[in-house]
Amino acid sequence: MIRVAFDRPEVGDEGEYGGHATDFFETLICRAEVTYKRGSEVVDAARLQGRSVFEIKIRKIGCAPNIASDWRMRTVGTGLPDGNGPDDDLPGARYNVREVDALSDKKWVFLIVESALL
């Protein structure tokens, strides 16, 4: 079991060139059971990058049933200690939430997360 945090996205102000910046806000910290599912390689920006997919199991507490596929998960206590710079200073390695199952079990929420490319 490891400690993880879930961050909720919030659309920020419109940028200078259009579009909106997305800020993430820490919403939930809990313990999670992590199971490695698979790895793959993706061509991104003309180079090959590895990606890992994990199955996450967390207790259905607080706002855990509200986690959605646009949220992200971070490790707590491991990963980037100062975040990704001034715009994203929350510590930990980032993972994109891909699937959420909060219905099939009354005690647990199951998630599929994928390592985020920086």
N, C-alpha and C. Protein backbone atom coordinates (compact mmCIF):
# COMPACT_ATOMS: atom_id res chain seq x y z
N MET A 1 0.85 -1.18 0.00
CA MET A 1 0.00 0.00 0.00
C MET A 1 0.90 1.25 0.00
N ILE A 2 0.53 2.20 -0.81
CA ILE A 2 1.26 3.47 -0.85
C ILE A 2 0.26 4.61 -0.67
N ARG A 3 0.79 5.77 -0.31
CA ARG A 3 -0.06 6.96 -0.18
C ARG A 3 -0.12 7.67 -1.53
N VAL A 4 -1.34 8.01 -1.93
CA VAL A 4 -1.55 8.72 -3.19
C VAL A 4 -2.46 9.92 -2.96
N ALA A 5 -2.40 10.86 -3.86
CA ALA A 5 -3.28 12.03 -3.82
C ALA A 5 -4.01 12.11 -5.15
N PHE A 6 -5.25 12.56 -5.10
CA PHE A 6 -6.04 12.76 -6.31
C PHE A 6 -6.31 14.24 -6.46
N ASP A 7 -6.03 14.75 -7.66
CA ASP A 7 -6.16 16.17 -7.96
C ASP A 7 -7.30 16.40 -8.94
N ARG A 8 -8.16 17.35 -8.60
CA ARG A 8 -9.30 17.72 -9.43
C ARG A 8 -8.88 18.86 -10.35
N PRO A 9 -9.22 18.77 -11.66
CA PRO A 9 -8.86 19.86 -12.56
C PRO A 9 -9.85 21.02 -12.45
N GLU A 10 -9.34 22.20 -12.69
CA GLU A 10 -10.18 23.38 -12.72
C GLU A 10 -9.67 24.27 -13.85
N VAL A 11 -10.56 24.64 -14.74
CA VAL A 11 -10.17 25.45 -15.89
C VAL A 11 -9.85 26.86 -15.41
N GLY A 12 -8.68 27.32 -15.78
CA GLY A 12 -8.23 28.64 -15.37
C GLY A 12 -8.62 29.72 -16.36
N ASP A 13 -7.92 30.82 -16.32
CA ASP A 13 -8.18 31.97 -17.19
C ASP A 13 -7.75 31.67 -18.62
N GLU A 14 -8.32 32.42 -19.55
CA GLU A 14 -7.95 32.28 -20.95
C GLU A 14 -6.54 32.79 -21.14
N GLY A 15 -5.75 32.04 -21.91
CA GLY A 15 -4.36 32.42 -22.17
C GLY A 15 -4.24 33.53 -23.19
N GLU A 16 -3.02 34.00 -23.37
CA GLU A 16 -2.73 35.09 -24.30
C GLU A 16 -3.07 34.71 -25.74
N TYR A 17 -2.90 33.42 -26.07
CA TYR A 17 -3.14 32.95 -27.44
C TYR A 17 -4.42 32.12 -27.54
N GLY A 18 -5.34 32.30 -26.62
CA GLY A 18 -6.58 31.53 -26.62
C GLY A 18 -6.42 30.27 -25.80
N GLY A 19 -7.48 29.52 -25.67
CA GLY A 19 -7.44 28.32 -24.86
C GLY A 19 -7.46 28.66 -23.39
N HIS A 20 -7.61 27.66 -22.59
CA HIS A 20 -7.67 27.86 -21.14
C HIS A 20 -6.63 26.97 -20.46
N ALA A 21 -5.98 27.51 -19.47
CA ALA A 21 -5.02 26.73 -18.69
C ALA A 21 -5.80 25.87 -17.69
N THR A 22 -5.31 24.67 -17.43
CA THR A 22 -5.95 23.80 -16.46
C THR A 22 -5.06 23.72 -15.23
N ASP A 23 -5.63 24.08 -14.09
CA ASP A 23 -4.93 23.97 -12.82
C ASP A 23 -5.49 22.77 -12.07
N PHE A 24 -4.64 22.08 -11.32
CA PHE A 24 -5.07 20.93 -10.54
C PHE A 24 -5.02 21.28 -9.06
N PHE A 25 -6.05 20.84 -8.31
CA PHE A 25 -6.14 21.10 -6.89
C PHE A 25 -6.28 19.79 -6.14
N GLU A 26 -5.42 19.61 -5.14
CA GLU A 26 -5.45 18.38 -4.33
C GLU A 26 -6.80 18.25 -3.64
N THR A 27 -7.46 17.12 -3.83
CA THR A 27 -8.81 16.91 -3.31
C THR A 27 -8.87 15.77 -2.31
N LEU A 28 -8.05 14.74 -2.49
CA LEU A 28 -8.12 13.56 -1.64
C LEU A 28 -6.73 12.95 -1.49
N ILE A 29 -6.37 12.60 -0.26
CA ILE A 29 -5.14 11.82 0.01
C ILE A 29 -5.58 10.55 0.72
N CYS A 30 -5.10 9.42 0.23
CA CYS A 30 -5.49 8.14 0.83
C CYS A 30 -4.43 7.09 0.54
N ARG A 31 -4.62 5.91 1.10
CA ARG A 31 -3.74 4.78 0.82
C ARG A 31 -4.34 3.97 -0.31
N ALA A 32 -3.49 3.42 -1.16
CA ALA A 32 -3.96 2.69 -2.34
C ALA A 32 -3.18 1.40 -2.51
N GLU A 33 -3.86 0.41 -3.01
CA GLU A 33 -3.22 -0.84 -3.41
C GLU A 33 -2.98 -0.74 -4.91
N VAL A 34 -1.73 -0.90 -5.31
CA VAL A 34 -1.34 -0.69 -6.71
C VAL A 34 -0.93 -2.02 -7.32
N THR A 35 -1.48 -2.31 -8.51
CA THR A 35 -1.14 -3.52 -9.25
C THR A 35 -0.71 -3.11 -10.66
N TYR A 36 0.49 -3.55 -11.06
CA TYR A 36 0.98 -3.25 -12.41
C TYR A 36 0.18 -4.08 -13.41
N LYS A 37 -0.35 -3.43 -14.45
CA LYS A 37 -1.13 -4.14 -15.46
C LYS A 37 -0.33 -4.41 -16.72
N ARG A 38 0.26 -3.37 -17.29
CA ARG A 38 1.01 -3.56 -18.54
C ARG A 38 1.83 -2.31 -18.82
N GLY A 39 2.73 -2.46 -19.75
CA GLY A 39 3.52 -1.34 -20.21
C GLY A 39 3.46 -1.29 -21.73
N SER A 40 3.73 -0.14 -22.28
CA SER A 40 3.74 -0.01 -23.74
C SER A 40 4.68 1.13 -24.10
N GLU A 41 4.94 1.23 -25.38
CA GLU A 41 5.77 2.33 -25.87
C GLU A 41 4.95 3.11 -26.86
N VAL A 42 5.08 4.43 -26.79
CA VAL A 42 4.30 5.33 -27.63
C VAL A 42 5.25 6.27 -28.33
N VAL A 43 4.98 6.55 -29.60
CA VAL A 43 5.77 7.55 -30.31
C VAL A 43 5.11 8.89 -30.03
N ASP A 44 5.86 9.77 -29.36
CA ASP A 44 5.36 11.10 -29.01
C ASP A 44 6.44 12.10 -29.37
N ALA A 45 6.09 13.06 -30.19
CA ALA A 45 7.03 14.09 -30.65
C ALA A 45 8.26 13.45 -31.29
N ALA A 46 8.01 12.45 -32.14
CA ALA A 46 9.05 11.78 -32.93
C ALA A 46 10.07 11.02 -32.09
N ARG A 47 9.69 10.64 -30.87
CA ARG A 47 10.59 9.79 -30.08
C ARG A 47 9.75 8.78 -29.32
N LEU A 48 10.37 7.67 -29.01
CA LEU A 48 9.69 6.58 -28.33
C LEU A 48 9.71 6.81 -26.83
N GLN A 49 8.54 6.71 -26.19
CA GLN A 49 8.47 6.90 -24.75
C GLN A 49 7.67 5.76 -24.13
N GLY A 50 8.15 5.27 -22.99
CA GLY A 50 7.46 4.20 -22.29
C GLY A 50 6.28 4.71 -21.49
N ARG A 51 5.26 3.87 -21.37
CA ARG A 51 4.08 4.20 -20.60
C ARG A 51 3.69 2.99 -19.78
N SER A 52 3.31 3.20 -18.54
CA SER A 52 2.91 2.11 -17.67
C SER A 52 1.46 2.29 -17.26
N VAL A 53 0.74 1.19 -17.13
CA VAL A 53 -0.66 1.21 -16.74
C VAL A 53 -0.80 0.42 -15.43
N PHE A 54 -1.50 1.01 -14.47
CA PHE A 54 -1.68 0.39 -13.16
C PHE A 54 -3.15 0.30 -12.80
N GLU A 55 -3.50 -0.72 -12.03
CA GLU A 55 -4.83 -0.83 -11.45
C GLU A 55 -4.72 -0.38 -10.00
N ILE A 56 -5.60 0.51 -9.58
CA ILE A 56 -5.56 1.10 -8.25
C ILE A 56 -6.84 0.72 -7.52
N LYS A 57 -6.70 0.39 -6.24
CA LYS A 57 -7.85 0.06 -5.40
C LYS A 57 -7.78 0.94 -4.16
N ILE A 58 -8.83 1.78 -3.96
CA ILE A 58 -8.87 2.66 -2.79
C ILE A 58 -10.20 2.48 -2.09
N ARG A 59 -10.23 2.80 -0.79
CA ARG A 59 -11.48 2.74 -0.02
C ARG A 59 -12.44 3.81 -0.49
N LYS A 60 -13.70 3.50 -0.46
CA LYS A 60 -14.75 4.45 -0.85
C LYS A 60 -15.02 5.37 0.33
N ILE A 61 -14.16 6.39 0.50
CA ILE A 61 -14.28 7.35 1.59
C ILE A 61 -14.35 8.76 1.03
N GLY A 62 -14.97 9.66 1.75
CA GLY A 62 -15.00 11.06 1.34
C GLY A 62 -15.47 11.25 -0.08
N CYS A 63 -14.64 11.92 -0.88
CA CYS A 63 -15.01 12.21 -2.26
C CYS A 63 -14.48 11.16 -3.24
N ALA A 64 -14.00 10.03 -2.76
CA ALA A 64 -13.47 8.99 -3.65
C ALA A 64 -14.46 8.56 -4.72
N PRO A 65 -15.75 8.40 -4.41
CA PRO A 65 -16.69 8.02 -5.48
C PRO A 65 -16.86 9.10 -6.56
N ASN A 66 -16.42 10.32 -6.29
CA ASN A 66 -16.56 11.42 -7.26
C ASN A 66 -15.38 11.55 -8.21
N ILE A 67 -14.34 10.74 -8.03
CA ILE A 67 -13.17 10.81 -8.93
C ILE A 67 -13.64 10.52 -10.35
N ALA A 68 -13.17 11.32 -11.29
CA ALA A 68 -13.58 11.17 -12.69
C ALA A 68 -12.33 10.96 -13.56
N SER A 69 -12.56 10.63 -14.82
CA SER A 69 -11.45 10.32 -15.72
C SER A 69 -10.65 11.55 -16.15
N ASP A 70 -11.08 12.76 -15.76
CA ASP A 70 -10.26 13.93 -16.06
C ASP A 70 -9.38 14.34 -14.88
N TRP A 71 -9.45 13.59 -13.78
CA TRP A 71 -8.60 13.85 -12.62
C TRP A 71 -7.23 13.25 -12.86
N ARG A 72 -6.31 13.51 -11.93
CA ARG A 72 -5.00 12.86 -11.98
C ARG A 72 -4.67 12.32 -10.60
N MET A 73 -3.78 11.35 -10.58
CA MET A 73 -3.31 10.77 -9.33
C MET A 73 -1.83 11.09 -9.20
N ARG A 74 -1.38 11.34 -7.96
CA ARG A 74 0.03 11.56 -7.68
C ARG A 74 0.46 10.65 -6.55
N THR A 75 1.71 10.26 -6.58
CA THR A 75 2.26 9.55 -5.43
C THR A 75 2.62 10.58 -4.36
N VAL A 76 2.50 10.20 -3.11
CA VAL A 76 2.84 11.10 -2.01
C VAL A 76 4.11 10.55 -1.36
N GLY A 77 5.13 11.35 -1.31
CA GLY A 77 6.39 10.93 -0.69
C GLY A 77 7.40 10.37 -1.67
N THR A 78 7.02 10.17 -2.93
CA THR A 78 7.96 9.71 -3.96
C THR A 78 7.74 10.56 -5.20
N GLY A 79 8.70 10.56 -6.08
CA GLY A 79 8.55 11.32 -7.33
C GLY A 79 9.14 12.71 -7.21
N LEU A 80 8.64 13.61 -8.01
CA LEU A 80 9.16 14.97 -8.09
C LEU A 80 8.85 15.74 -6.81
N PRO A 81 9.85 16.12 -6.00
CA PRO A 81 9.57 16.79 -4.73
C PRO A 81 9.05 18.22 -4.88
N ASP A 82 9.42 18.89 -5.96
CA ASP A 82 9.01 20.28 -6.17
C ASP A 82 8.00 20.42 -7.29
N GLY A 83 7.43 19.31 -7.74
CA GLY A 83 6.45 19.38 -8.81
C GLY A 83 7.08 19.58 -10.18
N ASN A 84 6.26 20.06 -11.10
CA ASN A 84 6.72 20.28 -12.47
C ASN A 84 7.06 21.73 -12.75
N GLY A 85 7.40 22.48 -11.76
CA GLY A 85 7.76 23.87 -11.97
C GLY A 85 6.78 24.82 -11.31
N PRO A 86 6.87 26.10 -11.63
CA PRO A 86 6.06 27.10 -10.93
C PRO A 86 4.55 26.96 -11.17
N ASP A 87 4.16 26.42 -12.32
CA ASP A 87 2.74 26.28 -12.62
C ASP A 87 2.12 25.04 -11.98
N ASP A 88 2.95 24.08 -11.59
CA ASP A 88 2.45 22.83 -11.02
C ASP A 88 3.42 22.39 -9.93
N ASP A 89 3.26 22.94 -8.73
CA ASP A 89 4.23 22.70 -7.66
C ASP A 89 3.84 21.58 -6.71
N LEU A 90 2.80 20.81 -7.00
CA LEU A 90 2.43 19.69 -6.14
C LEU A 90 3.44 18.56 -6.32
N PRO A 91 3.95 17.97 -5.23
CA PRO A 91 4.98 16.94 -5.34
C PRO A 91 4.42 15.60 -5.80
N GLY A 92 5.30 14.73 -6.29
CA GLY A 92 4.94 13.36 -6.63
C GLY A 92 4.92 13.09 -8.12
N ALA A 93 4.99 11.80 -8.45
CA ALA A 93 4.88 11.38 -9.85
C ALA A 93 3.41 11.44 -10.27
N ARG A 94 3.18 11.86 -11.49
CA ARG A 94 1.81 12.05 -11.98
C ARG A 94 1.32 10.87 -12.80
N TYR A 95 0.02 10.57 -12.66
CA TYR A 95 -0.64 9.51 -13.42
C TYR A 95 -2.00 10.02 -13.86
N ASN A 96 -2.35 9.78 -15.11
CA ASN A 96 -3.66 10.18 -15.62
C ASN A 96 -4.68 9.10 -15.29
N VAL A 97 -5.82 9.50 -14.75
CA VAL A 97 -6.89 8.55 -14.46
C VAL A 97 -7.61 8.27 -15.77
N ARG A 98 -7.69 6.99 -16.15
CA ARG A 98 -8.32 6.59 -17.41
C ARG A 98 -9.71 6.01 -17.21
N GLU A 99 -9.89 5.19 -16.17
CA GLU A 99 -11.18 4.56 -15.90
C GLU A 99 -11.45 4.59 -14.41
N VAL A 100 -12.74 4.72 -14.06
CA VAL A 100 -13.15 4.73 -12.66
C VAL A 100 -14.34 3.79 -12.51
N ASP A 101 -14.26 2.87 -11.54
CA ASP A 101 -15.38 1.97 -11.23
C ASP A 101 -15.72 2.16 -9.76
N ALA A 102 -16.74 2.96 -9.49
CA ALA A 102 -17.19 3.19 -8.12
C ALA A 102 -18.50 2.48 -7.83
N LEU A 103 -18.98 1.66 -8.77
CA LEU A 103 -20.29 1.03 -8.63
C LEU A 103 -20.26 -0.45 -8.27
N SER A 104 -19.26 -1.18 -8.72
CA SER A 104 -19.30 -2.64 -8.59
C SER A 104 -19.04 -3.16 -7.17
N ASP A 105 -18.51 -2.33 -6.27
CA ASP A 105 -18.24 -2.76 -4.91
C ASP A 105 -18.64 -1.64 -3.96
N LYS A 106 -19.27 -1.97 -2.84
CA LYS A 106 -19.73 -0.90 -1.94
C LYS A 106 -18.64 -0.39 -1.00
N LYS A 107 -17.48 -1.07 -0.92
CA LYS A 107 -16.40 -0.62 -0.05
C LYS A 107 -15.21 -0.03 -0.80
N TRP A 108 -15.07 -0.32 -2.09
CA TRP A 108 -13.86 0.04 -2.83
C TRP A 108 -14.18 0.80 -4.11
N VAL A 109 -13.24 1.63 -4.53
CA VAL A 109 -13.26 2.28 -5.84
C VAL A 109 -12.05 1.73 -6.60
N PHE A 110 -12.28 1.25 -7.81
CA PHE A 110 -11.22 0.71 -8.65
C PHE A 110 -10.93 1.69 -9.78
N LEU A 111 -9.64 1.93 -10.05
CA LEU A 111 -9.25 2.88 -11.08
C LEU A 111 -8.18 2.26 -11.97
N ILE A 112 -8.13 2.72 -13.20
CA ILE A 112 -7.03 2.41 -14.10
C ILE A 112 -6.32 3.74 -14.33
N VAL A 113 -5.01 3.77 -14.06
CA VAL A 113 -4.23 4.99 -14.25
C VAL A 113 -3.06 4.68 -15.19
N GLU A 114 -2.61 5.73 -15.86
CA GLU A 114 -1.52 5.59 -16.82
C GLU A 114 -0.47 6.65 -16.51
N SER A 115 0.79 6.26 -16.59
CA SER A 115 1.85 7.23 -16.30
C SER A 115 1.77 8.41 -17.25
N ALA A 116 1.93 9.59 -16.71
CA ALA A 116 1.83 10.82 -17.51
C ALA A 116 3.17 11.11 -18.15
N LEU A 117 3.13 11.55 -19.40
CA LEU A 117 4.36 11.95 -20.08
C LEU A 117 4.63 13.40 -19.76
N LEU A 118 5.85 13.71 -19.40
CA LEU A 118 6.21 15.09 -19.04
C LEU A 118 6.79 15.81 -20.22
